[in-house]
Amino acid sequence: MRMHTINVNNYVVTDWSGGKTMEIFLSPTKSSYQDRTFNYRISSATVEKEHSVFSFLPGYKRIILPLRGPISLVHKFSKVKLHPFQTYYFKGSEKDRKFW
């Protein structure tokens, strides 16, 4: 098995509608998040706005785990409140999923 060292200096930091996201790992390593050519992605994001919308990622499964919280997610008529280290799964193709 080939090992990779992940160093904070190599993280890719970008803006998203609710704050900043830090890409910790992308597989395969030469894939692209923007082009949606990756198999999986590990990232950490800040939530700096009271309300924001998740990126539309059809074909991908998403797992969110707040490190500090709580946070609420709203989708259509449902609302889920997540506490720190509580995981929640949803499809990347779901539109209008928001932080609240």
PDB file of N, CA and C in Angstrom:
ATOM      1  N   MET A   1       0.838  -1.166   0.000  1.00  0.00           N
ATOM      2  CA  MET A   1       0.000   0.000   0.000  1.00  0.00           C
ATOM      3  C   MET A   1       0.892   1.241   0.000  1.00  0.00           C
ATOM      4  N   ARG A   2       0.534   2.205  -0.812  1.00  0.00           N
ATOM      5  CA  ARG A   2       1.293   3.442  -0.897  1.00  0.00           C
ATOM      6  C   ARG A   2       0.727   4.448   0.106  1.00  0.00           C
ATOM      7  N   MET A   3       1.601   5.062   0.887  1.00  0.00           N
ATOM      8  CA  MET A   3       1.186   6.018   1.907  1.00  0.00           C
ATOM      9  C   MET A   3       1.443   7.441   1.417  1.00  0.00           C
ATOM     10  N   HIS A   4       0.561   8.357   1.801  1.00  0.00           N
ATOM     11  CA  HIS A   4       0.713   9.776   1.482  1.00  0.00           C
ATOM     12  C   HIS A   4       0.734  10.563   2.781  1.00  0.00           C
ATOM     13  N   THR A   5       1.625  11.509   2.875  1.00  0.00           N
ATOM     14  CA  THR A   5       1.635  12.418   4.015  1.00  0.00           C
ATOM     15  C   THR A   5       0.755  13.607   3.671  1.00  0.00           C
ATOM     16  N   ILE A   6      -0.198  13.886   4.531  1.00  0.00           N
ATOM     17  CA  ILE A   6      -1.087  15.020   4.322  1.00  0.00           C
ATOM     18  C   ILE A   6      -0.604  16.140   5.238  1.00  0.00           C
ATOM     19  N   ASN A   7      -0.240  17.263   4.643  1.00  0.00           N
ATOM     20  CA  ASN A   7       0.324  18.377   5.373  1.00  0.00           C
ATOM     21  C   ASN A   7      -0.589  19.590   5.232  1.00  0.00           C
ATOM     22  N   VAL A   8      -0.839  20.288   6.326  1.00  0.00           N
ATOM     23  CA  VAL A   8      -1.723  21.443   6.307  1.00  0.00           C
ATOM     24  C   VAL A   8      -1.299  22.489   5.280  1.00  0.00           C
ATOM     25  N   ASN A   9      -0.028  22.570   4.965  1.00  0.00           N
ATOM     26  CA  ASN A   9       0.454  23.523   3.962  1.00  0.00           C
ATOM     27  C   ASN A   9       0.001  23.162   2.553  1.00  0.00           C
ATOM     28  N   ASN A  10      -0.439  21.914   2.348  1.00  0.00           N
ATOM     29  CA  ASN A  10      -0.883  21.463   1.030  1.00  0.00           C
ATOM     30  C   ASN A  10      -2.396  21.529   0.845  1.00  0.00           C
ATOM     31  N   TYR A  11      -3.126  21.860   1.888  1.00  0.00           N
ATOM     32  CA  TYR A  11      -4.588  21.926   1.784  1.00  0.00           C
ATOM     33  C   TYR A  11      -5.001  23.020   0.802  1.00  0.00           C
ATOM     34  N   VAL A  12      -6.031  22.740   0.025  1.00  0.00           N
ATOM     35  CA  VAL A  12      -6.591  23.725  -0.896  1.00  0.00           C
ATOM     36  C   VAL A  12      -7.759  24.395  -0.173  1.00  0.00           C
ATOM     37  N   VAL A  13      -7.685  25.713   0.001  1.00  0.00           N
ATOM     38  CA  VAL A  13      -8.738  26.465   0.685  1.00  0.00           C
ATOM     39  C   VAL A  13      -9.487  27.301  -0.342  1.00  0.00           C
ATOM     40  N   THR A  14     -10.831  27.158  -0.352  1.00  0.00           N
ATOM     41  CA  THR A  14     -11.662  27.918  -1.274  1.00  0.00           C
ATOM     42  C   THR A  14     -12.886  28.442  -0.533  1.00  0.00           C
ATOM     43  N   ASP A  15     -13.561  29.400  -1.160  1.00  0.00           N
ATOM     44  CA  ASP A  15     -14.804  29.934  -0.604  1.00  0.00           C
ATOM     45  C   ASP A  15     -15.967  29.066  -1.043  1.00  0.00           C
ATOM     46  N   TRP A  16     -16.971  28.960  -0.185  1.00  0.00           N
ATOM     47  CA  TRP A  16     -18.261  28.380  -0.548  1.00  0.00           C
ATOM     48  C   TRP A  16     -19.314  29.345  -0.037  1.00  0.00           C
ATOM     49  N   SER A  17     -20.575  29.128  -0.327  1.00  0.00           N
ATOM     50  CA  SER A  17     -21.610  30.115  -0.022  1.00  0.00           C
ATOM     51  C   SER A  17     -21.750  30.424   1.465  1.00  0.00           C
ATOM     52  N   GLY A  18     -21.245  29.554   2.347  1.00  0.00           N
ATOM     53  CA  GLY A  18     -21.397  29.786   3.781  1.00  0.00           C
ATOM     54  C   GLY A  18     -20.114  30.116   4.512  1.00  0.00           C
ATOM     55  N   GLY A  19     -18.981  30.087   3.834  1.00  0.00           N
ATOM     56  CA  GLY A  19     -17.711  30.353   4.507  1.00  0.00           C
ATOM     57  C   GLY A  19     -16.531  29.897   3.674  1.00  0.00           C
ATOM     58  N   LYS A  20     -15.637  29.136   4.286  1.00  0.00           N
ATOM     59  CA  LYS A  20     -14.457  28.605   3.601  1.00  0.00           C
ATOM     60  C   LYS A  20     -14.429  27.091   3.769  1.00  0.00           C
ATOM     61  N   THR A  21     -13.885  26.407   2.770  1.00  0.00           N
ATOM     62  CA  THR A  21     -13.707  24.970   2.853  1.00  0.00           C
ATOM     63  C   THR A  21     -12.235  24.643   2.621  1.00  0.00           C
ATOM     64  N   MET A  22     -11.750  23.698   3.400  1.00  0.00           N
ATOM     65  CA  MET A  22     -10.356  23.285   3.309  1.00  0.00           C
ATOM     66  C   MET A  22     -10.342  21.829   2.849  1.00  0.00           C
ATOM     67  N   GLU A  23      -9.845  21.607   1.632  1.00  0.00           N
ATOM     68  CA  GLU A  23      -9.767  20.260   1.078  1.00  0.00           C
ATOM     69  C   GLU A  23      -8.562  19.548   1.678  1.00  0.00           C
ATOM     70  N   ILE A  24      -8.834  18.516   2.463  1.00  0.00           N
ATOM     71  CA  ILE A  24      -7.783  17.777   3.145  1.00  0.00           C
ATOM     72  C   ILE A  24      -7.246  16.656   2.260  1.00  0.00           C
ATOM     73  N   PHE A  25      -8.151  15.991   1.541  1.00  0.00           N
ATOM     74  CA  PHE A  25      -7.715  14.892   0.668  1.00  0.00           C
ATOM     75  C   PHE A  25      -8.720  14.716  -0.461  1.00  0.00           C
ATOM     76  N   LEU A  26      -8.212  14.427  -1.642  1.00  0.00           N
ATOM     77  CA  LEU A  26      -9.034  14.165  -2.816  1.00  0.00           C
ATOM     78  C   LEU A  26      -8.483  12.924  -3.485  1.00  0.00           C
ATOM     79  N   SER A  27      -9.354  11.986  -3.826  1.00  0.00           N
ATOM     80  CA  SER A  27      -8.910  10.748  -4.452  1.00  0.00           C
ATOM     81  C   SER A  27      -9.653  10.529  -5.766  1.00  0.00           C
ATOM     82  N   PRO A  28      -8.946  10.137  -6.816  1.00  0.00           N
ATOM     83  CA  PRO A  28      -7.502   9.997  -6.917  1.00  0.00           C
ATOM     84  C   PRO A  28      -6.822  11.365  -6.815  1.00  0.00           C
ATOM     85  N   THR A  29      -5.553  11.354  -6.485  1.00  0.00           N
ATOM     86  CA  THR A  29      -4.841  12.587  -6.189  1.00  0.00           C
ATOM     87  C   THR A  29      -4.773  13.560  -7.364  1.00  0.00           C
ATOM     88  N   LYS A  30      -4.857  13.079  -8.582  1.00  0.00           N
ATOM     89  CA  LYS A  30      -4.800  13.976  -9.741  1.00  0.00           C
ATOM     90  C   LYS A  30      -6.198  14.325 -10.270  1.00  0.00           C
ATOM     91  N   SER A  31      -7.229  14.067  -9.484  1.00  0.00           N
ATOM     92  CA  SER A  31      -8.592  14.381  -9.904  1.00  0.00           C
ATOM     93  C   SER A  31      -8.915  15.839  -9.583  1.00  0.00           C
ATOM     94  N   SER A  32     -10.137  16.254  -9.912  1.00  0.00           N
ATOM     95  CA  SER A  32     -10.537  17.648  -9.724  1.00  0.00           C
ATOM     96  C   SER A  32     -11.913  17.725  -9.069  1.00  0.00           C
ATOM     97  N   TYR A  33     -12.004  18.507  -8.003  1.00  0.00           N
ATOM     98  CA  TYR A  33     -13.311  18.736  -7.365  1.00  0.00           C
ATOM     99  C   TYR A  33     -14.199  19.548  -8.306  1.00  0.00           C
ATOM    100  N   GLN A  34     -13.658  20.608  -8.902  1.00  0.00           N
ATOM    101  CA  GLN A  34     -14.433  21.476  -9.781  1.00  0.00           C
ATOM    102  C   GLN A  34     -14.991  20.725 -10.983  1.00  0.00           C
ATOM    103  N   ASP A  35     -14.222  19.793 -11.534  1.00  0.00           N
ATOM    104  CA  ASP A  35     -14.662  19.029 -12.707  1.00  0.00           C
ATOM    105  C   ASP A  35     -15.471  17.786 -12.332  1.00  0.00           C
ATOM    106  N   ARG A  36     -15.581  17.526 -11.027  1.00  0.00           N
ATOM    107  CA  ARG A  36     -16.322  16.359 -10.498  1.00  0.00           C
ATOM    108  C   ARG A  36     -15.749  15.044 -11.027  1.00  0.00           C
ATOM    109  N   THR A  37     -14.416  14.949 -11.033  1.00  0.00           N
ATOM    110  CA  THR A  37     -13.751  13.733 -11.498  1.00  0.00           C
ATOM    111  C   THR A  37     -13.148  12.940 -10.352  1.00  0.00           C
ATOM    112  N   PHE A  38     -13.543  13.243  -9.131  1.00  0.00           N
ATOM    113  CA  PHE A  38     -12.984  12.574  -7.963  1.00  0.00           C
ATOM    114  C   PHE A  38     -13.879  11.414  -7.517  1.00  0.00           C
ATOM    115  N   ASN A  39     -13.296  10.477  -6.779  1.00  0.00           N
ATOM    116  CA  ASN A  39     -14.061   9.371  -6.188  1.00  0.00           C
ATOM    117  C   ASN A  39     -14.569   9.741  -4.804  1.00  0.00           C
ATOM    118  N   TYR A  40     -13.698  10.357  -4.005  1.00  0.00           N
ATOM    119  CA  TYR A  40     -14.128  10.856  -2.706  1.00  0.00           C
ATOM    120  C   TYR A  40     -13.268  12.030  -2.282  1.00  0.00           C
ATOM    121  N   ARG A  41     -13.812  12.802  -1.345  1.00  0.00           N
ATOM    122  CA  ARG A  41     -13.154  14.017  -0.886  1.00  0.00           C
ATOM    123  C   ARG A  41     -13.351  14.137   0.620  1.00  0.00           C
ATOM    124  N   ILE A  42     -12.298  14.513   1.311  1.00  0.00           N
ATOM    125  CA  ILE A  42     -12.377  14.805   2.736  1.00  0.00           C
ATOM    126  C   ILE A  42     -12.078  16.286   2.883  1.00  0.00           C
ATOM    127  N   SER A  43     -12.980  16.999   3.533  1.00  0.00           N
ATOM    128  CA  SER A  43     -12.778  18.436   3.687  1.00  0.00           C
ATOM    129  C   SER A  43     -13.327  18.900   5.031  1.00  0.00           C
ATOM    130  N   SER A  44     -12.926  20.091   5.396  1.00  0.00           N
ATOM    131  CA  SER A  44     -13.414  20.739   6.606  1.00  0.00           C
ATOM    132  C   SER A  44     -13.875  22.129   6.201  1.00  0.00           C
ATOM    133  N   ALA A  45     -15.034  22.536   6.678  1.00  0.00           N
ATOM    134  CA  ALA A  45     -15.577  23.833   6.266  1.00  0.00           C
ATOM    135  C   ALA A  45     -15.972  24.663   7.471  1.00  0.00           C
ATOM    136  N   THR A  46     -15.847  25.958   7.301  1.00  0.00           N
ATOM    137  CA  THR A  46     -16.358  26.878   8.308  1.00  0.00           C
ATOM    138  C   THR A  46     -17.739  27.336   7.867  1.00  0.00           C
ATOM    139  N   VAL A  47     -18.585  27.613   8.827  1.00  0.00           N
ATOM    140  CA  VAL A  47     -19.904  28.173   8.550  1.00  0.00           C
ATOM    141  C   VAL A  47     -19.896  29.566   9.167  1.00  0.00           C
ATOM    142  N   GLU A  48     -19.833  30.568   8.297  1.00  0.00           N
ATOM    143  CA  GLU A  48     -19.687  31.943   8.744  1.00  0.00           C
ATOM    144  C   GLU A  48     -20.953  32.766   8.545  1.00  0.00           C
ATOM    145  N   LYS A  49     -21.938  32.185   7.891  1.00  0.00           N
ATOM    146  CA  LYS A  49     -23.198  32.879   7.648  1.00  0.00           C
ATOM    147  C   LYS A  49     -24.314  32.105   8.335  1.00  0.00           C
ATOM    148  N   GLU A  50     -25.335  32.820   8.715  1.00  0.00           N
ATOM    149  CA  GLU A  50     -26.447  32.177   9.415  1.00  0.00           C
ATOM    150  C   GLU A  50     -27.194  31.197   8.509  1.00  0.00           C
ATOM    151  N   HIS A  51     -27.310  31.534   7.216  1.00  0.00           N
ATOM    152  CA  HIS A  51     -27.990  30.678   6.252  1.00  0.00           C
ATOM    153  C   HIS A  51     -27.082  30.487   5.042  1.00  0.00           C
ATOM    154  N   SER A  52     -27.035  29.289   4.514  1.00  0.00           N
ATOM    155  CA  SER A  52     -26.268  29.025   3.299  1.00  0.00           C
ATOM    156  C   SER A  52     -26.776  27.743   2.657  1.00  0.00           C
ATOM    157  N   VAL A  53     -26.380  27.521   1.407  1.00  0.00           N
ATOM    158  CA  VAL A  53     -26.849  26.374   0.629  1.00  0.00           C
ATOM    159  C   VAL A  53     -25.651  25.495   0.274  1.00  0.00           C
ATOM    160  N   PHE A  54     -25.846  24.177   0.362  1.00  0.00           N
ATOM    161  CA  PHE A  54     -24.795  23.237  -0.019  1.00  0.00           C
ATOM    162  C   PHE A  54     -24.587  23.235  -1.531  1.00  0.00           C
ATOM    163  N   SER A  55     -23.376  22.940  -1.955  1.00  0.00           N
ATOM    164  CA  SER A  55     -23.080  22.770  -3.376  1.00  0.00           C
ATOM    165  C   SER A  55     -23.858  21.584  -3.920  1.00  0.00           C
ATOM    166  N   PHE A  56     -24.284  21.689  -5.171  1.00  0.00           N
ATOM    167  CA  PHE A  56     -25.009  20.622  -5.851  1.00  0.00           C
ATOM    168  C   PHE A  56     -23.990  19.607  -6.358  1.00  0.00           C
ATOM    169  N   LEU A  57     -24.025  18.382  -5.857  1.00  0.00           N
ATOM    170  CA  LEU A  57     -23.063  17.333  -6.219  1.00  0.00           C
ATOM    171  C   LEU A  57     -23.784  16.049  -6.630  1.00  0.00           C
ATOM    172  N   PRO A  58     -24.467  16.048  -7.779  1.00  0.00           N
ATOM    173  CA  PRO A  58     -25.165  14.832  -8.198  1.00  0.00           C
ATOM    174  C   PRO A  58     -24.197  13.677  -8.405  1.00  0.00           C
ATOM    175  N   GLY A  59     -24.613  12.494  -7.984  1.00  0.00           N
ATOM    176  CA  GLY A  59     -23.774  11.307  -8.130  1.00  0.00           C
ATOM    177  C   GLY A  59     -22.866  11.055  -6.936  1.00  0.00           C
ATOM    178  N   TYR A  60     -22.877  11.953  -5.958  1.00  0.00           N
ATOM    179  CA  TYR A  60     -22.047  11.802  -4.762  1.00  0.00           C
ATOM    180  C   TYR A  60     -22.916  11.689  -3.516  1.00  0.00           C
ATOM    181  N   LYS A  61     -22.410  10.969  -2.533  1.00  0.00           N
ATOM    182  CA  LYS A  61     -23.041  10.883  -1.224  1.00  0.00           C
ATOM    183  C   LYS A  61     -22.289  11.823  -0.299  1.00  0.00           C
ATOM    184  N   ARG A  62     -23.008  12.475   0.592  1.00  0.00           N
ATOM    185  CA  ARG A  62     -22.365  13.425   1.490  1.00  0.00           C
ATOM    186  C   ARG A  62     -22.592  13.011   2.934  1.00  0.00           C
ATOM    187  N   ILE A  63     -21.580  13.203   3.728  1.00  0.00           N
ATOM    188  CA  ILE A  63     -21.682  12.965   5.168  1.00  0.00           C
ATOM    189  C   ILE A  63     -21.186  14.230   5.842  1.00  0.00           C
ATOM    190  N   ILE A  64     -21.999  14.773   6.722  1.00  0.00           N
ATOM    191  CA  ILE A  64     -21.606  15.975   7.444  1.00  0.00           C
ATOM    192  C   ILE A  64     -21.475  15.618   8.920  1.00  0.00           C
ATOM    193  N   LEU A  65     -20.479  16.191   9.555  1.00  0.00           N
ATOM    194  CA  LEU A  65     -20.210  15.951  10.965  1.00  0.00           C
ATOM    195  C   LEU A  65     -19.738  17.276  11.567  1.00  0.00           C
ATOM    196  N   PRO A  66     -20.595  17.959  12.301  1.00  0.00           N
ATOM    197  CA  PRO A  66     -20.160  19.225  12.894  1.00  0.00           C
ATOM    198  C   PRO A  66     -19.149  18.989  14.015  1.00  0.00           C
ATOM    199  N   LEU A  67     -18.115  19.808  14.030  1.00  0.00           N
ATOM    200  CA  LEU A  67     -17.119  19.728  15.096  1.00  0.00           C
ATOM    201  C   LEU A  67     -17.504  20.625  16.262  1.00  0.00           C
ATOM    202  N   ARG A  68     -18.158  21.717  15.945  1.00  0.00           N
ATOM    203  CA  ARG A  68     -18.711  22.616  16.956  1.00  0.00           C
ATOM    204  C   ARG A  68     -20.158  22.824  16.557  1.00  0.00           C
ATOM    205  N   GLY A  69     -20.971  23.045  17.438  1.00  0.00           N
ATOM    206  CA  GLY A  69     -22.358  23.165  17.006  1.00  0.00           C
ATOM    207  C   GLY A  69     -23.226  23.561  18.158  1.00  0.00           C
ATOM    208  N   PRO A  70     -24.444  23.342  18.017  1.00  0.00           N
ATOM    209  CA  PRO A  70     -25.155  22.568  17.008  1.00  0.00           C
ATOM    210  C   PRO A  70     -25.409  23.372  15.729  1.00  0.00           C
ATOM    211  N   ILE A  71     -25.773  22.660  14.669  1.00  0.00           N
ATOM    212  CA  ILE A  71     -26.221  23.285  13.425  1.00  0.00           C
ATOM    213  C   ILE A  71     -27.516  22.604  13.010  1.00  0.00           C
ATOM    214  N   SER A  72     -28.284  23.298  12.198  1.00  0.00           N
ATOM    215  CA  SER A  72     -29.514  22.725  11.672  1.00  0.00           C
ATOM    216  C   SER A  72     -29.435  22.676  10.159  1.00  0.00           C
ATOM    217  N   LEU A  73     -29.943  21.605   9.573  1.00  0.00           N
ATOM    218  CA  LEU A  73     -30.038  21.449   8.125  1.00  0.00           C
ATOM    219  C   LEU A  73     -31.513  21.426   7.761  1.00  0.00           C
ATOM    220  N   VAL A  74     -31.863  22.143   6.707  1.00  0.00           N
ATOM    221  CA  VAL A  74     -33.245  22.211   6.268  1.00  0.00           C
ATOM    222  C   VAL A  74     -33.308  21.741   4.830  1.00  0.00           C
ATOM    223  N   HIS A  75     -34.283  20.876   4.538  1.00  0.00           N
ATOM    224  CA  HIS A  75     -34.516  20.427   3.168  1.00  0.00           C
ATOM    225  C   HIS A  75     -36.010  20.299   2.967  1.00  0.00           C
ATOM    226  N   LYS A  76     -36.532  21.091   2.051  1.00  0.00           N
ATOM    227  CA  LYS A  76     -37.966  21.131   1.772  1.00  0.00           C
ATOM    228  C   LYS A  76     -38.725  21.312   3.076  1.00  0.00           C
ATOM    229  N   PHE A  77     -39.388  20.252   3.563  1.00  0.00           N
ATOM    230  CA  PHE A  77     -40.219  20.398   4.753  1.00  0.00           C
ATOM    231  C   PHE A  77     -39.626  19.736   5.985  1.00  0.00           C
ATOM    232  N   SER A  78     -38.374  19.312   5.917  1.00  0.00           N
ATOM    233  CA  SER A  78     -37.770  18.645   7.068  1.00  0.00           C
ATOM    234  C   SER A  78     -36.612  19.480   7.618  1.00  0.00           C
ATOM    235  N   LYS A  79     -36.389  19.344   8.917  1.00  0.00           N
ATOM    236  CA  LYS A  79     -35.307  20.052   9.579  1.00  0.00           C
ATOM    237  C   LYS A  79     -34.620  19.074  10.514  1.00  0.00           C
ATOM    238  N   VAL A  80     -33.274  19.022  10.459  1.00  0.00           N
ATOM    239  CA  VAL A  80     -32.484  18.126  11.293  1.00  0.00           C
ATOM    240  C   VAL A  80     -31.506  18.974  12.084  1.00  0.00           C
ATOM    241  N   LYS A  81     -31.485  18.795  13.390  1.00  0.00           N
ATOM    242  CA  LYS A  81     -30.528  19.496  14.235  1.00  0.00           C
ATOM    243  C   LYS A  81     -29.403  18.534  14.577  1.00  0.00           C
ATOM    244  N   LEU A  82     -28.162  18.934  14.258  1.00  0.00           N
ATOM    245  CA  LEU A  82     -27.000  18.093  14.509  1.00  0.00           C
ATOM    246  C   LEU A  82     -26.156  18.687  15.630  1.00  0.00           C
ATOM    247  N   HIS A  83     -25.696  17.832  16.494  1.00  0.00           N
ATOM    248  CA  HIS A  83     -24.825  18.224  17.594  1.00  0.00           C
ATOM    249  C   HIS A  83     -23.394  17.821  17.252  1.00  0.00           C
ATOM    250  N   PRO A  84     -22.402  18.363  17.950  1.00  0.00           N
ATOM    251  CA  PRO A  84     -21.013  18.022  17.633  1.00  0.00           C
ATOM    252  C   PRO A  84     -20.781  16.511  17.566  1.00  0.00           C
ATOM    253  N   PHE A  85     -20.090  16.092  16.515  1.00  0.00           N
ATOM    254  CA  PHE A  85     -19.692  14.713  16.236  1.00  0.00           C
ATOM    255  C   PHE A  85     -20.860  13.784  15.902  1.00  0.00           C
ATOM    256  N   GLN A  86     -22.013  14.345  15.629  1.00  0.00           N
ATOM    257  CA  GLN A  86     -23.159  13.556  15.167  1.00  0.00           C
ATOM    258  C   GLN A  86     -23.138  13.583  13.639  1.00  0.00           C
ATOM    259  N   THR A  87     -23.112  12.413  12.998  1.00  0.00           N
ATOM    260  CA  THR A  87     -23.048  12.360  11.537  1.00  0.00           C
ATOM    261  C   THR A  87     -24.437  12.367  10.915  1.00  0.00           C
ATOM    262  N   TYR A  88     -24.488  12.887   9.697  1.00  0.00           N
ATOM    263  CA  TYR A  88     -25.730  12.922   8.939  1.00  0.00           C
ATOM    264  C   TYR A  88     -25.387  12.705   7.475  1.00  0.00           C
ATOM    265  N   TYR A  89     -26.138  11.836   6.816  1.00  0.00           N
ATOM    266  CA  TYR A  89     -25.915  11.465   5.421  1.00  0.00           C
ATOM    267  C   TYR A  89     -27.023  12.063   4.558  1.00  0.00           C
ATOM    268  N   PHE A  90     -26.643  12.538   3.363  1.00  0.00           N
ATOM    269  CA  PHE A  90     -27.640  12.940   2.373  1.00  0.00           C
ATOM    270  C   PHE A  90     -27.013  12.865   0.983  1.00  0.00           C
ATOM    271  N   LYS A  91     -27.863  12.822  -0.019  1.00  0.00           N
ATOM    272  CA  LYS A  91     -27.397  12.729  -1.406  1.00  0.00           C
ATOM    273  C   LYS A  91     -26.961  14.106  -1.898  1.00  0.00           C
ATOM    274  N   GLY A  92     -25.863  14.133  -2.637  1.00  0.00           N
ATOM    275  CA  GLY A  92     -25.368  15.386  -3.191  1.00  0.00           C
ATOM    276  C   GLY A  92     -26.278  15.976  -4.246  1.00  0.00           C
ATOM    277  N   SER A  93     -27.225  15.174  -4.749  1.00  0.00           N
ATOM    278  CA  SER A  93     -28.160  15.654  -5.770  1.00  0.00           C
ATOM    279  C   SER A  93     -29.368  16.368  -5.172  1.00  0.00           C
ATOM    280  N   GLU A  94     -29.499  16.345  -3.849  1.00  0.00           N
ATOM    281  CA  GLU A  94     -30.631  17.029  -3.221  1.00  0.00           C
ATOM    282  C   GLU A  94     -30.428  18.529  -3.340  1.00  0.00           C
ATOM    283  N   LYS A  95     -31.414  19.193  -3.891  1.00  0.00           N
ATOM    284  CA  LYS A  95     -31.334  20.648  -4.050  1.00  0.00           C
ATOM    285  C   LYS A  95     -31.957  21.311  -2.831  1.00  0.00           C
ATOM    286  N   ASP A  96     -31.545  22.525  -2.617  1.00  0.00           N
ATOM    287  CA  ASP A  96     -32.105  23.371  -1.555  1.00  0.00           C
ATOM    288  C   ASP A  96     -31.823  22.873  -0.156  1.00  0.00           C
ATOM    289  N   ARG A  97     -30.793  22.057   0.044  1.00  0.00           N
ATOM    290  CA  ARG A  97     -30.425  21.683   1.399  1.00  0.00           C
ATOM    291  C   ARG A  97     -29.626  22.845   1.963  1.00  0.00           C
ATOM    292  N   LYS A  98     -30.016  23.337   3.134  1.00  0.00           N
ATOM    293  CA  LYS A  98     -29.440  24.557   3.680  1.00  0.00           C
ATOM    294  C   LYS A  98     -29.018  24.375   5.123  1.00  0.00           C
ATOM    295  N   PHE A  99     -28.055  25.188   5.532  1.00  0.00           N
ATOM    296  CA  PHE A  99     -27.767  25.367   6.948  1.00  0.00           C
ATOM    297  C   PHE A  99     -28.783  26.348   7.473  1.00  0.00           C
ATOM    298  N   TRP A 100     -29.150  26.174   8.709  1.00  0.00           N
ATOM    299  CA  TRP A 100     -30.094  27.105   9.313  1.00  0.00           C
ATOM    300  C   TRP A 100     -29.713  27.339  10.744  1.00  0.00           C
TER     301      TRP A 100
END
